[in-house]
Amino acid sequence: MNSLQSRMSNAVDGDCFYLPTAMHLHAFMLLKEQNFADKNFKVEVKQ
């Protein structure tokens, strides 16, 4: 979670995150809602 949060903090609008599992997507969505609601990211789950 800390690594993902750090990457999200450094990202800019439009950056894309490639996540390996649905669990990572869930963590991503929680962090986005709580801390980065003002940023717009793309996200894909690629196993």
C-alpha atoms as a PDB file:
ATOM      1  CA  MET A   1       0.000   0.000   0.000  1.00  0.00           C
ATOM      2  CA  ASN A   2       2.804   2.424   0.837  1.00  0.00           C
ATOM      3  CA  SER A   3       4.514   1.867  -2.495  1.00  0.00           C
ATOM      4  CA  LEU A   4       1.269   2.300  -4.406  1.00  0.00           C
ATOM      5  CA  GLN A   5       0.395   5.427  -2.460  1.00  0.00           C
ATOM      6  CA  SER A   6       3.829   6.894  -3.194  1.00  0.00           C
ATOM      7  CA  ARG A   7       3.462   6.202  -6.909  1.00  0.00           C
ATOM      8  CA  MET A   8      -0.003   7.730  -6.964  1.00  0.00           C
ATOM      9  CA  SER A   9       1.284  10.796  -5.152  1.00  0.00           C
ATOM     10  CA  ASN A  10       3.976  11.320  -7.799  1.00  0.00           C
ATOM     11  CA  ALA A  11       1.649  10.620 -10.738  1.00  0.00           C
ATOM     12  CA  VAL A  12      -0.066  13.268 -12.836  1.00  0.00           C
ATOM     13  CA  ASP A  13      -3.499  13.305 -14.454  1.00  0.00           C
ATOM     14  CA  GLY A  14      -3.716  10.765 -17.239  1.00  0.00           C
ATOM     15  CA  ASP A  15      -0.993   8.432 -15.951  1.00  0.00           C
ATOM     16  CA  CYS A  16      -1.825   4.748 -16.306  1.00  0.00           C
ATOM     17  CA  PHE A  17      -1.364   2.155 -13.588  1.00  0.00           C
ATOM     18  CA  TYR A  18      -1.016  -1.500 -14.572  1.00  0.00           C
ATOM     19  CA  LEU A  19      -2.016  -3.695 -11.650  1.00  0.00           C
ATOM     20  CA  PRO A  20      -1.457  -7.466 -11.422  1.00  0.00           C
ATOM     21  CA  THR A  21      -4.583  -8.556  -9.497  1.00  0.00           C
ATOM     22  CA  ALA A  22      -8.095  -7.546  -8.511  1.00  0.00           C
ATOM     23  CA  MET A  23      -6.805  -7.169  -4.937  1.00  0.00           C
ATOM     24  CA  HIS A  24      -4.374  -4.480  -6.116  1.00  0.00           C
ATOM     25  CA  LEU A  25      -7.239  -2.777  -7.953  1.00  0.00           C
ATOM     26  CA  HIS A  26      -9.274  -2.758  -4.752  1.00  0.00           C
ATOM     27  CA  ALA A  27      -6.400  -1.135  -2.834  1.00  0.00           C
ATOM     28  CA  PHE A  28      -5.908   1.356  -5.665  1.00  0.00           C
ATOM     29  CA  MET A  29      -9.574   2.376  -5.594  1.00  0.00           C
ATOM     30  CA  LEU A  30      -9.543   2.834  -1.811  1.00  0.00           C
ATOM     31  CA  LEU A  31      -6.440   5.030  -1.950  1.00  0.00           C
ATOM     32  CA  LYS A  32      -7.827   7.016  -4.870  1.00  0.00           C
ATOM     33  CA  GLU A  33     -11.094   7.757  -3.071  1.00  0.00           C
ATOM     34  CA  GLN A  34      -9.433   8.710   0.202  1.00  0.00           C
ATOM     35  CA  ASN A  35      -6.357  10.595  -0.963  1.00  0.00           C
ATOM     36  CA  PHE A  36      -6.418  11.384  -4.669  1.00  0.00           C
ATOM     37  CA  ALA A  37     -10.002  12.219  -5.575  1.00  0.00           C
ATOM     38  CA  ASP A  38      -8.769  15.265  -7.499  1.00  0.00           C
ATOM     39  CA  LYS A  39      -6.496  13.224  -9.804  1.00  0.00           C
ATOM     40  CA  ASN A  40      -7.638  11.289 -12.876  1.00  0.00           C
ATOM     41  CA  PHE A  41      -5.754   8.067 -13.533  1.00  0.00           C
ATOM     42  CA  LYS A  42      -6.197   5.247 -15.999  1.00  0.00           C
ATOM     43  CA  VAL A  43      -5.950   1.761 -14.562  1.00  0.00           C
ATOM     44  CA  GLU A  44      -5.753  -1.727 -16.076  1.00  0.00           C
ATOM     45  CA  VAL A  45      -5.513  -5.138 -14.485  1.00  0.00           C
ATOM     46  CA  LYS A  46      -2.973  -7.247 -16.388  1.00  0.00           C
ATOM     47  CA  GLN A  47      -2.219 -10.656 -14.967  1.00  0.00           C
END
